[in-house]
C-alpha cells in the first residue's frame, strides 16, 4: 500500500508521463530498455509500484555490499556474479519453479555504456521458466515510460528479436548516445528449447 502511495506521488510530480499497457496478469520477465542511466531503475520501480507488480531485479553484486545490501534486497534485488552468468539463470529459474511469483526486471544491455550486444540471459530465463516477456521502456524523446506489449517467446531467436527490435526502434533512453541496438550475439534460426 505504501509503495503504491509513493508511486502515485512520484508520478504526479514527475516530468515523465506514465504511458503504459495494463500490468500482465501473471509473472513475467520485464525488460528495462534502453538501459542508459541509473535513473532507469527509479522509473522501473515507479512503474512496478504504480501497477502493483511485485518485482525482483538483477543487479551487479557490488551494489549489495555494505550498508546498501539490505536496502537493495528489500527493493527486490538479486545479486549477480557476472563471472558466472549461467548460475544466475539457474538460480532465477529455481526460484520461479519453487513457487515464487514476481515480475523479474532485467536490463539485457548489461551495462549503461553500450556493449554492442544484449546479454542472452533474459531469453534463457524466459524460455526455461515458461515466462512471457513484457517490454518495458524509457523514451526521452517523448518523455514517456511504461510497459509495452507482453509477448511469448517462440524459441526462434531471430524472429523473437525482430519483434523486440521493432518495438524498441523509436525508444531512445535517457542518454540516447548509450543505447544498444536489441541484438543477441547468436541470432541464428536454431530454436532454443524451453
N, C-alpha and C. Protein backbone atom coordinates (compact mmCIF):
# COMPACT_ATOMS: atom_id res chain seq x y z
N UNK A 1 0.82 -1.20 0.00
CA UNK A 1 0.00 0.00 0.00
C UNK A 1 0.87 1.26 0.00
N UNK A 2 1.92 1.25 0.83
CA UNK A 2 2.82 2.40 0.91
C UNK A 2 3.52 2.63 -0.43
N UNK A 3 3.95 1.52 -1.08
CA UNK A 3 4.63 1.66 -2.36
C UNK A 3 3.73 2.30 -3.41
N UNK A 4 2.46 1.91 -3.42
CA UNK A 4 1.54 2.50 -4.40
C UNK A 4 1.32 3.98 -4.13
N UNK A 5 1.25 4.36 -2.86
CA UNK A 5 1.10 5.76 -2.50
C UNK A 5 2.33 6.56 -2.92
N UNK A 6 3.51 6.02 -2.62
CA UNK A 6 4.76 6.70 -3.02
C UNK A 6 4.80 6.86 -4.54
N UNK A 7 4.41 5.80 -5.26
CA UNK A 7 4.46 5.88 -6.72
C UNK A 7 3.45 6.88 -7.27
N UNK A 8 2.27 6.98 -6.65
CA UNK A 8 1.28 7.98 -7.10
C UNK A 8 1.84 9.39 -6.95
N UNK A 9 2.47 9.65 -5.81
CA UNK A 9 3.07 10.97 -5.59
C UNK A 9 4.19 11.21 -6.59
N UNK A 10 5.02 10.19 -6.80
CA UNK A 10 6.13 10.32 -7.75
C UNK A 10 5.61 10.69 -9.14
N UNK A 11 4.61 9.94 -9.64
CA UNK A 11 4.11 10.20 -10.99
C UNK A 11 3.38 11.54 -11.08
N UNK A 12 2.78 11.99 -10.00
CA UNK A 12 2.10 13.29 -10.01
C UNK A 12 3.12 14.43 -10.11
N UNK A 13 4.31 14.22 -9.55
CA UNK A 13 5.33 15.28 -9.53
C UNK A 13 6.37 15.15 -10.64
N UNK A 14 6.42 14.00 -11.28
CA UNK A 14 7.47 13.73 -12.26
C UNK A 14 7.23 14.47 -13.57
N UNK A 15 8.31 14.80 -14.24
CA UNK A 15 8.18 15.39 -15.57
C UNK A 15 7.97 14.31 -16.62
N UNK A 16 8.09 13.04 -16.21
CA UNK A 16 7.85 11.90 -17.08
C UNK A 16 6.37 11.55 -17.08
N UNK A 17 5.88 11.07 -18.21
CA UNK A 17 4.49 10.61 -18.30
C UNK A 17 4.48 9.09 -18.32
N UNK A 18 3.66 8.52 -17.46
CA UNK A 18 3.49 7.07 -17.44
C UNK A 18 2.46 6.73 -18.51
N UNK A 19 2.90 6.08 -19.57
CA UNK A 19 2.03 5.70 -20.68
C UNK A 19 2.21 4.20 -20.86
N UNK A 20 1.27 3.43 -20.33
CA UNK A 20 1.52 2.01 -20.22
C UNK A 20 0.33 1.15 -20.58
N UNK A 21 0.63 -0.05 -21.02
CA UNK A 21 -0.40 -1.06 -21.16
C UNK A 21 -0.65 -1.62 -19.76
N UNK A 22 -1.78 -2.30 -19.55
CA UNK A 22 -2.05 -2.87 -18.23
C UNK A 22 -0.97 -3.86 -17.82
N UNK A 23 -0.81 -4.03 -16.51
CA UNK A 23 0.16 -4.99 -15.99
C UNK A 23 -0.25 -6.40 -16.40
N UNK A 24 0.71 -7.24 -16.72
CA UNK A 24 0.38 -8.63 -17.05
C UNK A 24 -0.31 -9.30 -15.87
N UNK A 25 -1.18 -10.24 -16.16
CA UNK A 25 -1.94 -10.91 -15.12
C UNK A 25 -1.21 -12.09 -14.49
N UNK A 26 0.00 -12.37 -14.93
CA UNK A 26 0.78 -13.46 -14.36
C UNK A 26 2.25 -13.07 -14.32
N UNK A 27 3.09 -13.84 -13.61
CA UNK A 27 4.51 -13.49 -13.56
C UNK A 27 5.10 -13.35 -14.96
N UNK A 28 6.01 -12.41 -15.10
CA UNK A 28 6.58 -12.10 -16.40
C UNK A 28 8.04 -11.71 -16.23
N UNK A 29 8.78 -11.76 -17.31
CA UNK A 29 10.12 -11.21 -17.35
C UNK A 29 9.96 -9.83 -17.98
N UNK A 30 10.31 -8.81 -17.24
CA UNK A 30 10.10 -7.42 -17.65
C UNK A 30 11.41 -6.81 -18.10
N UNK A 31 11.50 -6.46 -19.38
CA UNK A 31 12.72 -5.83 -19.90
C UNK A 31 12.71 -4.35 -19.55
N UNK A 32 13.81 -3.86 -19.01
CA UNK A 32 14.01 -2.44 -18.74
C UNK A 32 14.96 -1.89 -19.79
N UNK A 33 14.42 -1.31 -20.86
CA UNK A 33 15.21 -0.93 -22.03
C UNK A 33 14.75 0.43 -22.53
N UNK A 34 15.60 1.22 -23.11
CA UNK A 34 17.05 1.16 -23.09
C UNK A 34 17.61 1.50 -21.70
N UNK A 35 18.66 0.79 -21.33
CA UNK A 35 19.30 0.98 -20.03
C UNK A 35 20.51 1.89 -20.24
N UNK A 36 20.29 3.18 -20.09
CA UNK A 36 21.36 4.15 -20.39
C UNK A 36 21.72 5.04 -19.21
N UNK A 37 21.03 4.86 -18.07
CA UNK A 37 21.25 5.72 -16.91
C UNK A 37 20.79 5.00 -15.65
N UNK A 38 21.34 5.39 -14.50
CA UNK A 38 20.87 4.83 -13.23
C UNK A 38 19.42 5.23 -12.94
N UNK A 39 18.94 6.31 -13.55
CA UNK A 39 17.56 6.74 -13.34
C UNK A 39 16.55 5.75 -13.92
N UNK A 40 17.01 4.90 -14.86
CA UNK A 40 16.12 3.85 -15.39
C UNK A 40 15.55 3.02 -14.25
N UNK A 41 16.39 2.76 -13.25
CA UNK A 41 15.99 1.94 -12.10
C UNK A 41 14.83 2.60 -11.35
N UNK A 42 14.93 3.89 -11.12
CA UNK A 42 13.88 4.62 -10.41
C UNK A 42 12.58 4.57 -11.21
N UNK A 43 12.68 4.78 -12.52
CA UNK A 43 11.48 4.76 -13.36
C UNK A 43 10.83 3.37 -13.37
N UNK A 44 11.63 2.31 -13.48
CA UNK A 44 11.06 0.95 -13.50
C UNK A 44 10.41 0.61 -12.16
N UNK A 45 11.03 1.02 -11.05
CA UNK A 45 10.39 0.79 -9.75
C UNK A 45 9.08 1.56 -9.67
N UNK A 46 9.09 2.79 -10.15
CA UNK A 46 7.87 3.61 -10.15
C UNK A 46 6.75 2.97 -10.96
N UNK A 47 7.10 2.39 -12.10
CA UNK A 47 6.10 1.70 -12.93
C UNK A 47 5.55 0.49 -12.19
N UNK A 48 6.46 -0.34 -11.68
CA UNK A 48 6.04 -1.57 -11.00
C UNK A 48 5.17 -1.26 -9.78
N UNK A 49 5.60 -0.30 -8.97
CA UNK A 49 4.84 0.03 -7.77
C UNK A 49 3.48 0.61 -8.13
N UNK A 50 3.42 1.45 -9.15
CA UNK A 50 2.14 2.06 -9.56
C UNK A 50 1.16 1.01 -10.05
N UNK A 51 1.68 0.01 -10.78
CA UNK A 51 0.82 -1.03 -11.34
C UNK A 51 0.62 -2.21 -10.39
N UNK A 52 1.26 -2.16 -9.23
CA UNK A 52 1.10 -3.23 -8.25
C UNK A 52 1.77 -4.53 -8.65
N UNK A 53 2.87 -4.45 -9.39
CA UNK A 53 3.59 -5.65 -9.81
C UNK A 53 4.68 -5.96 -8.78
N UNK A 54 4.64 -7.13 -8.13
CA UNK A 54 5.75 -7.49 -7.25
C UNK A 54 6.97 -7.80 -8.12
N UNK A 55 8.05 -7.06 -7.95
CA UNK A 55 9.21 -7.24 -8.83
C UNK A 55 10.45 -7.67 -8.07
N UNK A 56 11.26 -8.39 -8.79
CA UNK A 56 12.64 -8.70 -8.41
C UNK A 56 13.48 -8.18 -9.57
N UNK A 57 14.71 -7.85 -9.31
CA UNK A 57 15.58 -7.36 -10.37
C UNK A 57 16.99 -7.88 -10.16
N UNK A 58 17.72 -7.98 -11.24
CA UNK A 58 19.09 -8.46 -11.20
C UNK A 58 20.03 -7.26 -11.19
N UNK A 59 21.01 -7.29 -10.29
CA UNK A 59 21.99 -6.20 -10.21
C UNK A 59 23.37 -6.73 -9.92
N UNK A 60 24.38 -6.02 -10.37
CA UNK A 60 25.74 -6.48 -10.13
C UNK A 60 26.00 -6.60 -8.63
N UNK A 61 26.78 -7.59 -8.25
CA UNK A 61 26.98 -7.92 -6.84
C UNK A 61 27.55 -6.77 -6.03
N UNK A 62 28.29 -5.87 -6.65
CA UNK A 62 28.87 -4.74 -5.91
C UNK A 62 27.80 -3.82 -5.33
N UNK A 63 26.60 -3.81 -5.92
CA UNK A 63 25.51 -2.98 -5.38
C UNK A 63 25.00 -3.48 -4.04
N UNK A 64 25.34 -4.73 -3.69
CA UNK A 64 24.80 -5.35 -2.49
C UNK A 64 25.81 -5.41 -1.36
N UNK A 65 26.93 -4.73 -1.50
CA UNK A 65 27.96 -4.71 -0.46
C UNK A 65 27.66 -3.63 0.57
N UNK A 66 28.05 -3.92 1.81
CA UNK A 66 27.95 -2.93 2.88
C UNK A 66 26.52 -2.55 3.20
N UNK A 67 26.34 -1.29 3.55
CA UNK A 67 25.04 -0.79 4.00
C UNK A 67 23.96 -0.85 2.92
N UNK A 68 24.39 -0.85 1.64
CA UNK A 68 23.40 -0.88 0.54
C UNK A 68 22.73 -2.23 0.38
N UNK A 69 23.39 -3.30 0.81
CA UNK A 69 22.87 -4.66 0.61
C UNK A 69 21.45 -4.85 1.10
N UNK A 70 21.16 -4.57 2.38
CA UNK A 70 19.79 -4.77 2.87
C UNK A 70 18.76 -3.91 2.13
N UNK A 71 19.14 -2.69 1.75
CA UNK A 71 18.21 -1.82 1.03
C UNK A 71 17.91 -2.39 -0.35
N UNK A 72 18.97 -2.81 -1.07
CA UNK A 72 18.79 -3.35 -2.41
C UNK A 72 17.96 -4.64 -2.39
N UNK A 73 18.19 -5.48 -1.40
CA UNK A 73 17.41 -6.72 -1.30
C UNK A 73 15.95 -6.40 -0.97
N UNK A 74 15.73 -5.42 -0.11
CA UNK A 74 14.36 -5.03 0.26
C UNK A 74 13.61 -4.47 -0.95
N UNK A 75 14.34 -3.84 -1.86
CA UNK A 75 13.73 -3.32 -3.08
C UNK A 75 13.55 -4.40 -4.15
N UNK A 76 13.93 -5.64 -3.82
CA UNK A 76 13.73 -6.76 -4.74
C UNK A 76 14.96 -7.23 -5.47
N UNK A 77 16.13 -6.73 -5.10
CA UNK A 77 17.34 -7.06 -5.81
C UNK A 77 17.84 -8.48 -5.60
N UNK A 78 18.38 -9.05 -6.66
CA UNK A 78 19.06 -10.33 -6.63
C UNK A 78 20.47 -10.07 -7.14
N UNK A 79 21.50 -10.30 -6.28
CA UNK A 79 22.87 -10.02 -6.73
C UNK A 79 23.32 -11.00 -7.82
N UNK A 80 24.06 -10.47 -8.79
CA UNK A 80 24.56 -11.25 -9.91
C UNK A 80 26.08 -11.27 -9.89
N UNK A 81 26.63 -12.46 -9.93
CA UNK A 81 28.07 -12.62 -10.09
C UNK A 81 28.33 -12.68 -11.59
N UNK A 82 28.83 -11.61 -12.15
CA UNK A 82 28.99 -11.52 -13.61
C UNK A 82 30.01 -12.51 -14.16
N UNK A 83 30.86 -13.07 -13.29
CA UNK A 83 31.84 -14.03 -13.78
C UNK A 83 31.22 -15.41 -14.01
N UNK A 84 29.99 -15.63 -13.53
CA UNK A 84 29.32 -16.92 -13.71
C UNK A 84 27.86 -16.71 -14.09
N UNK A 85 27.60 -16.22 -15.32
CA UNK A 85 26.23 -15.90 -15.72
C UNK A 85 25.28 -17.09 -15.76
N UNK A 86 25.80 -18.29 -15.99
CA UNK A 86 24.91 -19.46 -16.05
C UNK A 86 24.27 -19.74 -14.70
N UNK A 87 24.97 -19.41 -13.60
CA UNK A 87 24.40 -19.65 -12.28
C UNK A 87 23.22 -18.71 -12.01
N UNK A 88 23.24 -17.53 -12.62
CA UNK A 88 22.15 -16.57 -12.47
C UNK A 88 20.87 -17.15 -13.07
N UNK A 89 20.97 -17.67 -14.28
CA UNK A 89 19.82 -18.25 -14.95
C UNK A 89 19.26 -19.40 -14.10
N UNK A 90 20.14 -20.29 -13.65
CA UNK A 90 19.71 -21.45 -12.85
C UNK A 90 19.05 -21.00 -11.54
N UNK A 91 19.61 -19.99 -10.88
CA UNK A 91 19.06 -19.50 -9.62
C UNK A 91 17.66 -18.92 -9.80
N UNK A 92 17.50 -18.09 -10.82
CA UNK A 92 16.19 -17.45 -11.06
C UNK A 92 15.15 -18.49 -11.46
N UNK A 93 15.52 -19.41 -12.33
CA UNK A 93 14.59 -20.46 -12.75
C UNK A 93 14.18 -21.31 -11.54
N UNK A 94 15.14 -21.62 -10.65
CA UNK A 94 14.83 -22.40 -9.45
C UNK A 94 13.84 -21.65 -8.54
N UNK A 95 14.01 -20.35 -8.40
CA UNK A 95 13.09 -19.54 -7.58
C UNK A 95 11.67 -19.61 -8.14
N UNK A 96 11.56 -19.48 -9.45
CA UNK A 96 10.25 -19.49 -10.09
C UNK A 96 9.60 -20.87 -9.98
N UNK A 97 10.39 -21.90 -10.26
CA UNK A 97 9.86 -23.27 -10.15
C UNK A 97 9.54 -23.63 -8.71
N UNK A 98 10.18 -22.93 -7.77
CA UNK A 98 9.92 -23.16 -6.35
C UNK A 98 8.66 -22.46 -5.86
N UNK A 99 8.00 -21.72 -6.73
CA UNK A 99 6.72 -21.11 -6.36
C UNK A 99 6.75 -19.63 -6.12
N UNK A 100 7.92 -18.99 -6.18
CA UNK A 100 7.97 -17.53 -6.01
C UNK A 100 7.25 -16.89 -7.20
N UNK A 101 6.40 -15.91 -6.93
CA UNK A 101 5.71 -15.21 -8.00
C UNK A 101 6.14 -13.75 -8.00
N UNK A 102 6.74 -13.34 -9.10
CA UNK A 102 7.21 -11.97 -9.23
C UNK A 102 7.44 -11.66 -10.69
N UNK A 103 7.50 -10.38 -10.97
CA UNK A 103 7.96 -9.92 -12.27
C UNK A 103 9.45 -9.70 -12.15
N UNK A 104 10.22 -10.28 -13.03
CA UNK A 104 11.67 -10.14 -12.98
C UNK A 104 12.10 -9.06 -13.95
N UNK A 105 12.65 -7.96 -13.42
CA UNK A 105 13.14 -6.87 -14.26
C UNK A 105 14.58 -7.18 -14.66
N UNK A 106 14.83 -7.17 -15.96
CA UNK A 106 16.16 -7.45 -16.49
C UNK A 106 16.54 -6.34 -17.46
N UNK A 107 17.78 -5.90 -17.38
CA UNK A 107 18.32 -4.94 -18.35
C UNK A 107 19.29 -5.72 -19.23
N UNK A 108 18.82 -6.23 -20.36
CA UNK A 108 19.65 -7.13 -21.17
C UNK A 108 20.87 -6.47 -21.80
N UNK A 109 20.92 -5.15 -21.79
CA UNK A 109 22.12 -4.49 -22.31
C UNK A 109 23.30 -4.75 -21.38
N UNK A 110 23.01 -5.04 -20.10
CA UNK A 110 24.04 -5.42 -19.16
C UNK A 110 24.88 -4.29 -18.63
N UNK A 111 24.91 -3.17 -19.31
CA UNK A 111 25.71 -2.03 -18.89
C UNK A 111 25.06 -0.76 -19.41
N UNK A 112 25.29 0.35 -18.72
CA UNK A 112 24.73 1.61 -19.19
C UNK A 112 25.55 2.22 -20.31
N UNK A 113 26.73 1.67 -20.58
CA UNK A 113 27.63 2.27 -21.56
C UNK A 113 27.49 1.75 -22.97
N UNK A 114 26.64 0.78 -23.20
CA UNK A 114 26.50 0.22 -24.54
C UNK A 114 27.63 -0.76 -24.82
N UNK A 115 27.28 -1.98 -25.24
CA UNK A 115 28.30 -3.00 -25.43
C UNK A 115 28.25 -3.64 -26.81
N UNK A 116 27.32 -3.24 -27.66
CA UNK A 116 27.22 -3.83 -28.98
C UNK A 116 26.18 -4.93 -29.07
N UNK A 117 26.05 -5.72 -28.01
CA UNK A 117 25.08 -6.82 -27.99
C UNK A 117 24.38 -6.88 -26.64
N UNK A 118 23.16 -7.39 -26.68
CA UNK A 118 22.45 -7.70 -25.44
C UNK A 118 22.96 -9.02 -24.89
N UNK A 119 22.83 -9.18 -23.58
CA UNK A 119 23.13 -10.47 -22.96
C UNK A 119 21.89 -11.36 -23.13
N UNK A 120 22.12 -12.64 -23.38
CA UNK A 120 21.02 -13.56 -23.71
C UNK A 120 20.36 -14.20 -22.49
N UNK A 121 20.81 -13.88 -21.28
CA UNK A 121 20.24 -14.49 -20.08
C UNK A 121 18.74 -14.30 -19.98
N UNK A 122 18.23 -13.13 -20.36
CA UNK A 122 16.79 -12.88 -20.27
C UNK A 122 16.03 -13.89 -21.11
N UNK A 123 16.57 -14.19 -22.28
CA UNK A 123 15.90 -15.11 -23.20
C UNK A 123 15.89 -16.53 -22.61
N UNK A 124 17.04 -16.96 -22.08
CA UNK A 124 17.13 -18.30 -21.49
C UNK A 124 16.22 -18.43 -20.27
N UNK A 125 16.20 -17.40 -19.42
CA UNK A 125 15.34 -17.45 -18.22
C UNK A 125 13.88 -17.57 -18.65
N UNK A 126 13.45 -16.72 -19.58
CA UNK A 126 12.05 -16.73 -20.01
C UNK A 126 11.67 -18.08 -20.60
N UNK A 127 12.51 -18.65 -21.44
CA UNK A 127 12.21 -19.94 -22.07
C UNK A 127 12.21 -21.07 -21.04
N UNK A 128 13.23 -21.10 -20.18
CA UNK A 128 13.34 -22.20 -19.21
C UNK A 128 12.26 -22.14 -18.15
N UNK A 129 11.82 -20.94 -17.78
CA UNK A 129 10.81 -20.81 -16.73
C UNK A 129 9.39 -20.69 -17.30
N UNK A 130 9.25 -20.63 -18.61
CA UNK A 130 7.94 -20.52 -19.23
C UNK A 130 7.29 -19.16 -18.99
N UNK A 131 8.11 -18.11 -18.91
CA UNK A 131 7.60 -16.77 -18.66
C UNK A 131 7.41 -15.99 -19.95
N UNK A 132 6.35 -15.19 -20.05
CA UNK A 132 6.26 -14.24 -21.16
C UNK A 132 7.24 -13.10 -20.91
N UNK A 133 7.46 -12.29 -21.92
CA UNK A 133 8.37 -11.14 -21.81
C UNK A 133 7.55 -9.87 -22.02
N UNK A 134 7.63 -8.97 -21.03
CA UNK A 134 6.95 -7.68 -21.13
C UNK A 134 7.98 -6.62 -21.48
N UNK A 135 7.67 -5.82 -22.48
CA UNK A 135 8.62 -4.83 -22.99
C UNK A 135 8.44 -3.50 -22.26
N UNK A 136 9.24 -3.29 -21.22
CA UNK A 136 9.25 -2.02 -20.51
C UNK A 136 10.17 -1.04 -21.22
N UNK A 137 9.84 0.23 -21.14
CA UNK A 137 10.64 1.19 -21.92
C UNK A 137 10.77 2.55 -21.23
N UNK A 138 11.80 3.27 -21.67
CA UNK A 138 12.04 4.65 -21.30
C UNK A 138 12.34 5.38 -22.61
N UNK A 139 11.61 6.45 -22.89
CA UNK A 139 11.83 7.19 -24.13
C UNK A 139 11.94 8.68 -23.85
N UNK A 140 13.15 9.17 -23.90
CA UNK A 140 13.39 10.59 -23.60
C UNK A 140 12.79 11.52 -24.65
N UNK A 141 12.71 11.07 -25.90
CA UNK A 141 12.20 11.96 -26.95
C UNK A 141 10.75 12.37 -26.70
N UNK A 142 9.97 11.47 -26.09
CA UNK A 142 8.57 11.78 -25.79
C UNK A 142 8.34 11.98 -24.29
N UNK A 143 9.39 11.77 -23.49
CA UNK A 143 9.31 11.85 -22.02
C UNK A 143 8.23 10.91 -21.49
N UNK A 144 8.16 9.72 -22.09
CA UNK A 144 7.21 8.71 -21.64
C UNK A 144 7.96 7.46 -21.21
N UNK A 145 7.33 6.72 -20.34
CA UNK A 145 7.87 5.45 -19.87
C UNK A 145 6.69 4.57 -19.50
N UNK A 146 6.90 3.29 -19.50
CA UNK A 146 5.82 2.37 -19.15
C UNK A 146 6.07 0.98 -19.65
N UNK A 147 4.99 0.23 -19.78
CA UNK A 147 5.05 -1.13 -20.28
C UNK A 147 4.42 -1.17 -21.66
N UNK A 148 5.10 -1.84 -22.55
CA UNK A 148 4.55 -2.11 -23.87
C UNK A 148 3.87 -3.47 -23.85
N UNK A 149 3.85 -4.14 -24.98
CA UNK A 149 3.16 -5.43 -25.06
C UNK A 149 3.91 -6.52 -24.29
N UNK A 150 3.18 -7.57 -23.96
CA UNK A 150 3.75 -8.78 -23.38
C UNK A 150 3.72 -9.83 -24.47
N UNK A 151 4.88 -10.44 -24.73
CA UNK A 151 4.98 -11.42 -25.82
C UNK A 151 5.42 -12.77 -25.28
N UNK A 152 5.05 -13.81 -25.99
CA UNK A 152 5.51 -15.16 -25.71
C UNK A 152 6.68 -15.44 -26.65
N UNK A 153 7.80 -15.88 -26.12
CA UNK A 153 8.94 -16.23 -26.96
C UNK A 153 8.66 -17.58 -27.63
N UNK A 154 9.05 -17.70 -28.89
CA UNK A 154 8.75 -18.90 -29.66
C UNK A 154 9.90 -19.90 -29.68
N UNK A 155 11.09 -19.45 -29.34
CA UNK A 155 12.28 -20.29 -29.48
C UNK A 155 13.04 -19.98 -30.76
N UNK A 156 12.40 -19.28 -31.68
CA UNK A 156 13.08 -18.81 -32.89
C UNK A 156 13.69 -17.46 -32.53
N UNK A 157 14.95 -17.50 -32.13
CA UNK A 157 15.61 -16.33 -31.57
C UNK A 157 15.56 -15.13 -32.51
N UNK A 158 15.88 -15.35 -33.77
CA UNK A 158 15.91 -14.23 -34.73
C UNK A 158 14.53 -13.60 -34.88
N UNK A 159 13.50 -14.43 -35.00
CA UNK A 159 12.14 -13.89 -35.17
C UNK A 159 11.68 -13.16 -33.90
N UNK A 160 11.96 -13.74 -32.74
CA UNK A 160 11.59 -13.09 -31.48
C UNK A 160 12.30 -11.75 -31.33
N UNK A 161 13.58 -11.72 -31.67
CA UNK A 161 14.34 -10.47 -31.56
C UNK A 161 13.87 -9.43 -32.58
N UNK A 162 13.37 -9.87 -33.72
CA UNK A 162 12.80 -8.93 -34.69
C UNK A 162 11.60 -8.21 -34.10
N UNK A 163 10.75 -8.93 -33.36
CA UNK A 163 9.59 -8.33 -32.70
C UNK A 163 10.06 -7.33 -31.65
N UNK A 164 11.05 -7.72 -30.86
CA UNK A 164 11.59 -6.85 -29.81
C UNK A 164 12.23 -5.61 -30.42
N UNK A 165 13.02 -5.80 -31.48
CA UNK A 165 13.68 -4.67 -32.16
C UNK A 165 12.65 -3.68 -32.70
N UNK A 166 11.58 -4.20 -33.29
CA UNK A 166 10.56 -3.32 -33.86
C UNK A 166 9.95 -2.44 -32.78
N UNK A 167 9.69 -3.01 -31.59
CA UNK A 167 9.10 -2.20 -30.52
C UNK A 167 10.06 -1.11 -30.04
N UNK A 168 11.34 -1.46 -29.87
CA UNK A 168 12.30 -0.51 -29.31
C UNK A 168 12.94 0.41 -30.35
N UNK A 169 12.58 0.27 -31.61
CA UNK A 169 13.22 1.05 -32.68
C UNK A 169 13.16 2.55 -32.44
N UNK A 170 12.08 3.05 -31.85
CA UNK A 170 11.95 4.50 -31.65
C UNK A 170 12.07 4.91 -30.18
N UNK A 171 12.63 4.04 -29.34
CA UNK A 171 12.81 4.36 -27.91
C UNK A 171 14.28 4.73 -27.68
N UNK A 172 14.53 5.90 -27.10
CA UNK A 172 15.90 6.41 -27.04
C UNK A 172 16.59 6.22 -25.70
N UNK A 173 15.86 6.05 -24.62
CA UNK A 173 16.50 6.01 -23.30
C UNK A 173 16.83 7.41 -22.82
N UNK A 174 17.31 7.50 -21.59
CA UNK A 174 17.66 8.81 -21.02
C UNK A 174 18.90 9.41 -21.66
N UNK A 175 19.85 8.57 -22.02
CA UNK A 175 21.09 9.02 -22.67
C UNK A 175 21.19 8.32 -24.01
N UNK A 176 20.57 8.86 -25.04
CA UNK A 176 20.48 8.18 -26.35
C UNK A 176 21.82 7.71 -26.91
N UNK A 177 22.89 8.42 -26.61
CA UNK A 177 24.20 8.02 -27.15
C UNK A 177 24.69 6.70 -26.56
N UNK A 178 24.08 6.24 -25.47
CA UNK A 178 24.49 4.98 -24.84
C UNK A 178 23.60 3.80 -25.21
N UNK A 179 22.62 4.04 -26.04
CA UNK A 179 21.66 2.99 -26.41
C UNK A 179 22.35 1.88 -27.20
N UNK A 180 21.97 0.63 -26.91
CA UNK A 180 22.47 -0.53 -27.63
C UNK A 180 21.32 -1.14 -28.42
N UNK A 181 21.54 -1.36 -29.70
CA UNK A 181 20.53 -2.00 -30.55
C UNK A 181 20.18 -3.37 -29.99
N UNK A 182 18.89 -3.71 -29.90
CA UNK A 182 18.50 -5.02 -29.40
C UNK A 182 18.97 -6.14 -30.34
N UNK A 183 20.09 -6.76 -29.99
CA UNK A 183 20.65 -7.83 -30.81
C UNK A 183 21.44 -8.77 -29.91
N UNK A 184 21.19 -10.06 -30.08
CA UNK A 184 21.96 -11.07 -29.35
C UNK A 184 23.12 -11.52 -30.23
N UNK A 185 24.21 -11.93 -29.60
CA UNK A 185 25.37 -12.39 -30.35
C UNK A 185 25.01 -13.54 -31.30
N UNK A 186 24.17 -14.43 -30.82
CA UNK A 186 23.86 -15.61 -31.60
C UNK A 186 22.38 -15.61 -32.00
N UNK A 187 22.07 -14.87 -33.05
CA UNK A 187 20.70 -14.85 -33.55
C UNK A 187 20.60 -15.74 -34.77
N UNK A 188 20.77 -17.03 -34.55
CA UNK A 188 20.61 -17.97 -35.65
C UNK A 188 19.22 -18.57 -35.60
N UNK A 189 18.78 -19.20 -36.65
CA UNK A 189 17.42 -19.73 -36.68
C UNK A 189 17.23 -21.01 -35.85
N UNK A 190 18.26 -21.48 -35.16
CA UNK A 190 18.12 -22.69 -34.35
C UNK A 190 17.30 -22.38 -33.11
N UNK A 191 16.17 -23.05 -32.92
CA UNK A 191 15.33 -22.76 -31.75
C UNK A 191 16.02 -23.12 -30.45
N UNK A 192 15.74 -22.34 -29.41
CA UNK A 192 16.21 -22.64 -28.06
C UNK A 192 15.06 -23.37 -27.37
N UNK A 193 15.33 -24.57 -26.91
CA UNK A 193 14.28 -25.39 -26.29
C UNK A 193 13.83 -24.79 -24.97
N UNK A 194 12.54 -24.99 -24.61
CA UNK A 194 12.05 -24.47 -23.31
C UNK A 194 12.61 -25.27 -22.16
